[in-house]
Amino acid sequence: MVAASIFGYIGISFGLTILFVHLCKLESFGKPYLTPLSPLQFSGLKDTFLRFPIWSIRKFKGRLNAKK
């Protein structure tokens, strides 16, 4: 809001860019916060935008293994 009030549309664009870069660098449980989108994984996009039946997305076993 500060960037938007000082710089207008350019401030909004710059602020959203900084926020998106921060979210891309953020990690949770050793995995990137935007996992299926940031390092693009087509297999992980199965349940990102549309909700598929649970029997088609049961491959959760190896997803949360922490990096070593």
PDB file of N, CA and C in Angstrom:
ATOM      1  N   MET A   1       0.828  -1.176   0.000  1.00  0.00           N
ATOM      2  CA  MET A   1       0.000   0.000   0.000  1.00  0.00           C
ATOM      3  C   MET A   1       0.880   1.249   0.000  1.00  0.00           C
ATOM      4  N   VAL A   2       1.997   1.177   0.685  1.00  0.00           N
ATOM      5  CA  VAL A   2       2.908   2.324   0.716  1.00  0.00           C
ATOM      6  C   VAL A   2       3.484   2.564  -0.676  1.00  0.00           C
ATOM      7  N   ALA A   3       3.926   1.477  -1.324  1.00  0.00           N
ATOM      8  CA  ALA A   3       4.492   1.621  -2.670  1.00  0.00           C
ATOM      9  C   ALA A   3       3.437   2.140  -3.645  1.00  0.00           C
ATOM     10  N   ALA A   4       2.190   1.683  -3.509  1.00  0.00           N
ATOM     11  CA  ALA A   4       1.122   2.150  -4.387  1.00  0.00           C
ATOM     12  C   ALA A   4       0.794   3.617  -4.139  1.00  0.00           C
ATOM     13  N   SER A   5       0.812   4.057  -2.891  1.00  0.00           N
ATOM     14  CA  SER A   5       0.478   5.449  -2.614  1.00  0.00           C
ATOM     15  C   SER A   5       1.585   6.401  -3.056  1.00  0.00           C
ATOM     16  N   ILE A   6       2.823   5.935  -3.029  1.00  0.00           N
ATOM     17  CA  ILE A   6       3.931   6.811  -3.428  1.00  0.00           C
ATOM     18  C   ILE A   6       4.162   6.762  -4.940  1.00  0.00           C
ATOM     19  N   PHE A   7       4.165   5.552  -5.529  1.00  0.00           N
ATOM     20  CA  PHE A   7       4.566   5.401  -6.929  1.00  0.00           C
ATOM     21  C   PHE A   7       3.418   5.032  -7.871  1.00  0.00           C
ATOM     22  N   GLY A   8       2.217   4.828  -7.370  1.00  0.00           N
ATOM     23  CA  GLY A   8       1.083   4.511  -8.241  1.00  0.00           C
ATOM     24  C   GLY A   8       1.148   3.107  -8.800  1.00  0.00           C
ATOM     25  N   TYR A   9       0.802   2.995 -10.092  1.00  0.00           N
ATOM     26  CA  TYR A   9       0.752   1.685 -10.739  1.00  0.00           C
ATOM     27  C   TYR A   9       2.120   1.005 -10.747  1.00  0.00           C
ATOM     28  N   ILE A  10       3.167   1.760 -10.953  1.00  0.00           N
ATOM     29  CA  ILE A  10       4.528   1.202 -10.946  1.00  0.00           C
ATOM     30  C   ILE A  10       4.845   0.629  -9.563  1.00  0.00           C
ATOM     31  N   GLY A  11       4.401   1.283  -8.522  1.00  0.00           N
ATOM     32  CA  GLY A  11       4.611   0.791  -7.163  1.00  0.00           C
ATOM     33  C   GLY A  11       3.877  -0.510  -6.905  1.00  0.00           C
ATOM     34  N   ILE A  12       2.651  -0.621  -7.428  1.00  0.00           N
ATOM     35  CA  ILE A  12       1.895  -1.871  -7.284  1.00  0.00           C
ATOM     36  C   ILE A  12       2.624  -3.002  -8.003  1.00  0.00           C
ATOM     37  N   SER A  13       3.061  -2.737  -9.229  1.00  0.00           N
ATOM     38  CA  SER A  13       3.780  -3.759 -10.005  1.00  0.00           C
ATOM     39  C   SER A  13       5.074  -4.170  -9.316  1.00  0.00           C
ATOM     40  N   PHE A  14       5.822  -3.203  -8.843  1.00  0.00           N
ATOM     41  CA  PHE A  14       7.085  -3.488  -8.175  1.00  0.00           C
ATOM     42  C   PHE A  14       6.847  -4.253  -6.869  1.00  0.00           C
ATOM     43  N   GLY A  15       5.854  -3.844  -6.103  1.00  0.00           N
ATOM     44  CA  GLY A  15       5.539  -4.523  -4.843  1.00  0.00           C
ATOM     45  C   GLY A  15       5.099  -5.964  -5.049  1.00  0.00           C
ATOM     46  N   LEU A  16       4.254  -6.208  -6.053  1.00  0.00           N
ATOM     47  CA  LEU A  16       3.817  -7.579  -6.338  1.00  0.00           C
ATOM     48  C   LEU A  16       4.961  -8.444  -6.847  1.00  0.00           C
ATOM     49  N   THR A  17       5.871  -7.847  -7.604  1.00  0.00           N
ATOM     50  CA  THR A  17       7.038  -8.588  -8.083  1.00  0.00           C
ATOM     51  C   THR A  17       7.927  -9.004  -6.920  1.00  0.00           C
ATOM     52  N   ILE A  18       8.166  -8.071  -6.002  1.00  0.00           N
ATOM     53  CA  ILE A  18       8.978  -8.387  -4.822  1.00  0.00           C
ATOM     54  C   ILE A  18       8.304  -9.466  -3.980  1.00  0.00           C
ATOM     55  N   LEU A  19       6.990  -9.388  -3.810  1.00  0.00           N
ATOM     56  CA  LEU A  19       6.252 -10.389  -3.047  1.00  0.00           C
ATOM     57  C   LEU A  19       6.331 -11.766  -3.709  1.00  0.00           C
ATOM     58  N   PHE A  20       6.189 -11.828  -5.022  1.00  0.00           N
ATOM     59  CA  PHE A  20       6.248 -13.101  -5.737  1.00  0.00           C
ATOM     60  C   PHE A  20       7.642 -13.720  -5.661  1.00  0.00           C
ATOM     61  N   VAL A  21       8.682 -12.900  -5.782  1.00  0.00           N
ATOM     62  CA  VAL A  21      10.052 -13.407  -5.665  1.00  0.00           C
ATOM     63  C   VAL A  21      10.290 -13.962  -4.264  1.00  0.00           C
ATOM     64  N   HIS A  22       9.775 -13.274  -3.261  1.00  0.00           N
ATOM     65  CA  HIS A  22       9.914 -13.751  -1.880  1.00  0.00           C
ATOM     66  C   HIS A  22       9.204 -15.098  -1.698  1.00  0.00           C
ATOM     67  N   LEU A  23       7.994 -15.240  -2.240  1.00  0.00           N
ATOM     68  CA  LEU A  23       7.268 -16.502  -2.119  1.00  0.00           C
ATOM     69  C   LEU A  23       7.972 -17.634  -2.861  1.00  0.00           C
ATOM     70  N   CYS A  24       8.629 -17.331  -3.966  1.00  0.00           N
ATOM     71  CA  CYS A  24       9.369 -18.359  -4.707  1.00  0.00           C
ATOM     72  C   CYS A  24      10.579 -18.854  -3.922  1.00  0.00           C
ATOM     73  N   LYS A  25      11.194 -17.982  -3.133  1.00  0.00           N
ATOM     74  CA  LYS A  25      12.379 -18.360  -2.360  1.00  0.00           C
ATOM     75  C   LYS A  25      12.031 -19.017  -1.030  1.00  0.00           C
ATOM     76  N   LEU A  26      10.807 -18.877  -0.570  1.00  0.00           N
ATOM     77  CA  LEU A  26      10.377 -19.385   0.724  1.00  0.00           C
ATOM     78  C   LEU A  26      10.250 -20.911   0.693  1.00  0.00           C
ATOM     79  N   GLU A  27      10.624 -21.559   1.788  1.00  0.00           N
ATOM     80  CA  GLU A  27      10.507 -23.014   1.884  1.00  0.00           C
ATOM     81  C   GLU A  27       9.705 -23.397   3.112  1.00  0.00           C
ATOM     82  N   SER A  28       8.949 -24.481   2.993  1.00  0.00           N
ATOM     83  CA  SER A  28       8.172 -25.025   4.088  1.00  0.00           C
ATOM     84  C   SER A  28       8.410 -26.529   4.135  1.00  0.00           C
ATOM     85  N   PHE A  29       8.859 -27.027   5.251  1.00  0.00           N
ATOM     86  CA  PHE A  29       9.187 -28.439   5.424  1.00  0.00           C
ATOM     87  C   PHE A  29      10.219 -28.909   4.407  1.00  0.00           C
ATOM     88  N   GLY A  30      11.149 -28.041   4.038  1.00  0.00           N
ATOM     89  CA  GLY A  30      12.210 -28.412   3.121  1.00  0.00           C
ATOM     90  C   GLY A  30      11.832 -28.394   1.653  1.00  0.00           C
ATOM     91  N   LYS A  31      10.615 -28.014   1.329  1.00  0.00           N
ATOM     92  CA  LYS A  31      10.145 -27.927  -0.054  1.00  0.00           C
ATOM     93  C   LYS A  31       9.816 -26.474  -0.364  1.00  0.00           C
ATOM     94  N   PRO A  32       9.994 -26.043  -1.609  1.00  0.00           N
ATOM     95  CA  PRO A  32       9.608 -24.677  -1.972  1.00  0.00           C
ATOM     96  C   PRO A  32       8.124 -24.432  -1.720  1.00  0.00           C
ATOM     97  N   TYR A  33       7.791 -23.220  -1.292  1.00  0.00           N
ATOM     98  CA  TYR A  33       6.424 -22.873  -0.911  1.00  0.00           C
ATOM     99  C   TYR A  33       5.457 -22.990  -2.086  1.00  0.00           C
ATOM    100  N   LEU A  34       5.892 -22.659  -3.270  1.00  0.00           N
ATOM    101  CA  LEU A  34       5.048 -22.746  -4.466  1.00  0.00           C
ATOM    102  C   LEU A  34       5.404 -23.986  -5.282  1.00  0.00           C
ATOM    103  N   THR A  35       5.535 -25.114  -4.626  1.00  0.00           N
ATOM    104  CA  THR A  35       6.103 -26.330  -5.218  1.00  0.00           C
ATOM    105  C   THR A  35       5.604 -26.701  -6.605  1.00  0.00           C
ATOM    106  N   PRO A  36       4.334 -26.882  -6.875  1.00  0.00           N
ATOM    107  CA  PRO A  36       4.017 -27.318  -8.238  1.00  0.00           C
ATOM    108  C   PRO A  36       4.198 -26.221  -9.281  1.00  0.00           C
ATOM    109  N   LEU A  37       4.229 -24.966  -8.860  1.00  0.00           N
ATOM    110  CA  LEU A  37       4.337 -23.875  -9.822  1.00  0.00           C
ATOM    111  C   LEU A  37       5.741 -23.320  -9.978  1.00  0.00           C
ATOM    112  N   SER A  38       6.457 -23.125  -8.882  1.00  0.00           N
ATOM    113  CA  SER A  38       7.754 -22.464  -8.951  1.00  0.00           C
ATOM    114  C   SER A  38       8.812 -23.334  -9.630  1.00  0.00           C
ATOM    115  N   PRO A  39       9.229 -24.488  -9.103  1.00  0.00           N
ATOM    116  CA  PRO A  39       9.937 -25.406  -9.990  1.00  0.00           C
ATOM    117  C   PRO A  39       8.860 -26.231 -10.677  1.00  0.00           C
ATOM    118  N   LEU A  40       8.559 -25.912 -11.928  1.00  0.00           N
ATOM    119  CA  LEU A  40       7.391 -26.459 -12.621  1.00  0.00           C
ATOM    120  C   LEU A  40       7.426 -27.978 -12.671  1.00  0.00           C
ATOM    121  N   GLN A  41       6.414 -28.606 -12.065  1.00  0.00           N
ATOM    122  CA  GLN A  41       6.258 -30.056 -12.061  1.00  0.00           C
ATOM    123  C   GLN A  41       4.855 -30.362 -12.583  1.00  0.00           C
ATOM    124  N   PHE A  42       4.787 -30.939 -13.767  1.00  0.00           N
ATOM    125  CA  PHE A  42       3.486 -31.211 -14.364  1.00  0.00           C
ATOM    126  C   PHE A  42       2.701 -32.260 -13.586  1.00  0.00           C
ATOM    127  N   SER A  43       3.399 -33.187 -12.944  1.00  0.00           N
ATOM    128  CA  SER A  43       2.691 -34.199 -12.155  1.00  0.00           C
ATOM    129  C   SER A  43       2.049 -33.588 -10.914  1.00  0.00           C
ATOM    130  N   GLY A  44       2.605 -32.505 -10.391  1.00  0.00           N
ATOM    131  CA  GLY A  44       2.052 -31.858  -9.217  1.00  0.00           C
ATOM    132  C   GLY A  44       0.917 -30.899  -9.519  1.00  0.00           C
ATOM    133  N   LEU A  45       0.710 -30.571 -10.788  1.00  0.00           N
ATOM    134  CA  LEU A  45      -0.351 -29.648 -11.162  1.00  0.00           C
ATOM    135  C   LEU A  45      -1.724 -30.305 -11.214  1.00  0.00           C
ATOM    136  N   LYS A  46      -1.779 -31.602 -10.948  1.00  0.00           N
ATOM    137  CA  LYS A  46      -3.034 -32.330 -11.051  1.00  0.00           C
ATOM    138  C   LYS A  46      -4.106 -31.775 -10.112  1.00  0.00           C
ATOM    139  N   ASP A  47      -3.738 -31.304  -8.947  1.00  0.00           N
ATOM    140  CA  ASP A  47      -4.724 -30.827  -7.977  1.00  0.00           C
ATOM    141  C   ASP A  47      -4.503 -29.350  -7.617  1.00  0.00           C
ATOM    142  N   THR A  48      -3.868 -28.595  -8.489  1.00  0.00           N
ATOM    143  CA  THR A  48      -3.591 -27.205  -8.182  1.00  0.00           C
ATOM    144  C   THR A  48      -4.767 -26.297  -8.512  1.00  0.00           C
ATOM    145  N   PHE A  49      -5.341 -26.416  -9.684  1.00  0.00           N
ATOM    146  CA  PHE A  49      -6.413 -25.523 -10.101  1.00  0.00           C
ATOM    147  C   PHE A  49      -7.782 -26.203 -10.093  1.00  0.00           C
ATOM    148  N   LEU A  50      -7.828 -27.479 -10.389  1.00  0.00           N
ATOM    149  CA  LEU A  50      -9.071 -28.246 -10.365  1.00  0.00           C
ATOM    150  C   LEU A  50      -8.952 -29.358  -9.344  1.00  0.00           C
ATOM    151  N   ARG A  51     -10.014 -29.637  -8.635  1.00  0.00           N
ATOM    152  CA  ARG A  51     -10.002 -30.703  -7.636  1.00  0.00           C
ATOM    153  C   ARG A  51     -10.400 -32.019  -8.299  1.00  0.00           C
ATOM    154  N   PHE A  52      -9.436 -32.945  -8.383  1.00  0.00           N
ATOM    155  CA  PHE A  52      -9.692 -34.260  -8.945  1.00  0.00           C
ATOM    156  C   PHE A  52     -10.103 -35.222  -7.833  1.00  0.00           C
ATOM    157  N   PRO A  53     -10.697 -36.351  -8.173  1.00  0.00           N
ATOM    158  CA  PRO A  53     -11.053 -37.331  -7.147  1.00  0.00           C
ATOM    159  C   PRO A  53      -9.811 -37.806  -6.386  1.00  0.00           C
ATOM    160  N   ILE A  54      -9.994 -38.135  -5.124  1.00  0.00           N
ATOM    161  CA  ILE A  54      -8.871 -38.492  -4.262  1.00  0.00           C
ATOM    162  C   ILE A  54      -8.146 -39.746  -4.758  1.00  0.00           C
ATOM    163  N   TRP A  55      -8.844 -40.659  -5.427  1.00  0.00           N
ATOM    164  CA  TRP A  55      -8.178 -41.870  -5.911  1.00  0.00           C
ATOM    165  C   TRP A  55      -7.194 -41.558  -7.033  1.00  0.00           C
ATOM    166  N   SER A  56      -7.348 -40.411  -7.721  1.00  0.00           N
ATOM    167  CA  SER A  56      -6.420 -40.089  -8.807  1.00  0.00           C
ATOM    168  C   SER A  56      -5.202 -39.297  -8.330  1.00  0.00           C
ATOM    169  N   ILE A  57      -5.203 -38.845  -7.053  1.00  0.00           N
ATOM    170  CA  ILE A  57      -4.074 -38.060  -6.544  1.00  0.00           C
ATOM    171  C   ILE A  57      -3.466 -38.696  -5.305  1.00  0.00           C
ATOM    172  N   ARG A  58      -3.525 -39.981  -5.176  1.00  0.00           N
ATOM    173  CA  ARG A  58      -3.035 -40.689  -3.991  1.00  0.00           C
ATOM    174  C   ARG A  58      -1.524 -40.816  -3.930  1.00  0.00           C
ATOM    175  N   LYS A  59      -0.774 -40.150  -4.752  1.00  0.00           N
ATOM    176  CA  LYS A  59       0.680 -40.311  -4.790  1.00  0.00           C
ATOM    177  C   LYS A  59       1.366 -39.299  -3.883  1.00  0.00           C
ATOM    178  N   PHE A  60       0.987 -39.233  -2.611  1.00  0.00           N
ATOM    179  CA  PHE A  60       1.555 -38.281  -1.668  1.00  0.00           C
ATOM    180  C   PHE A  60       2.772 -38.839  -0.935  1.00  0.00           C
ATOM    181  N   LYS A  61       3.082 -40.085  -1.078  1.00  0.00           N
ATOM    182  CA  LYS A  61       4.065 -40.758  -0.255  1.00  0.00           C
ATOM    183  C   LYS A  61       5.437 -40.089  -0.280  1.00  0.00           C
ATOM    184  N   GLY A  62       5.952 -39.735  -1.446  1.00  0.00           N
ATOM    185  CA  GLY A  62       7.292 -39.192  -1.530  1.00  0.00           C
ATOM    186  C   GLY A  62       7.366 -37.676  -1.607  1.00  0.00           C
ATOM    187  N   ARG A  63       6.262 -36.999  -1.565  1.00  0.00           N
ATOM    188  CA  ARG A  63       6.284 -35.550  -1.771  1.00  0.00           C
ATOM    189  C   ARG A  63       6.876 -34.779  -0.615  1.00  0.00           C
ATOM    190  N   LEU A  64       6.697 -35.212   0.615  1.00  0.00           N
ATOM    191  CA  LEU A  64       7.122 -34.421   1.754  1.00  0.00           C
ATOM    192  C   LEU A  64       8.448 -34.858   2.338  1.00  0.00           C
ATOM    193  N   ASN A  65       9.219 -35.635   1.600  1.00  0.00           N
ATOM    194  CA  ASN A  65      10.549 -35.997   2.091  1.00  0.00           C
ATOM    195  C   ASN A  65      11.425 -34.760   2.096  1.00  0.00           C
ATOM    196  N   ALA A  66      12.044 -34.482   3.224  1.00  0.00           N
ATOM    197  CA  ALA A  66      12.888 -33.298   3.356  1.00  0.00           C
ATOM    198  C   ALA A  66      14.189 -33.473   2.588  1.00  0.00           C
ATOM    199  N   LYS A  67      14.716 -32.350   2.107  1.00  0.00           N
ATOM    200  CA  LYS A  67      16.015 -32.385   1.416  1.00  0.00           C
ATOM    201  C   LYS A  67      17.110 -32.677   2.408  1.00  0.00           C
ATOM    202  N   LYS A  68      18.082 -33.438   1.999  1.00  0.00           N
ATOM    203  CA  LYS A  68      19.197 -33.760   2.894  1.00  0.00           C
ATOM    204  C   LYS A  68      20.475 -33.229   2.352  1.00  0.00           C
TER     205      LYS A  68
END
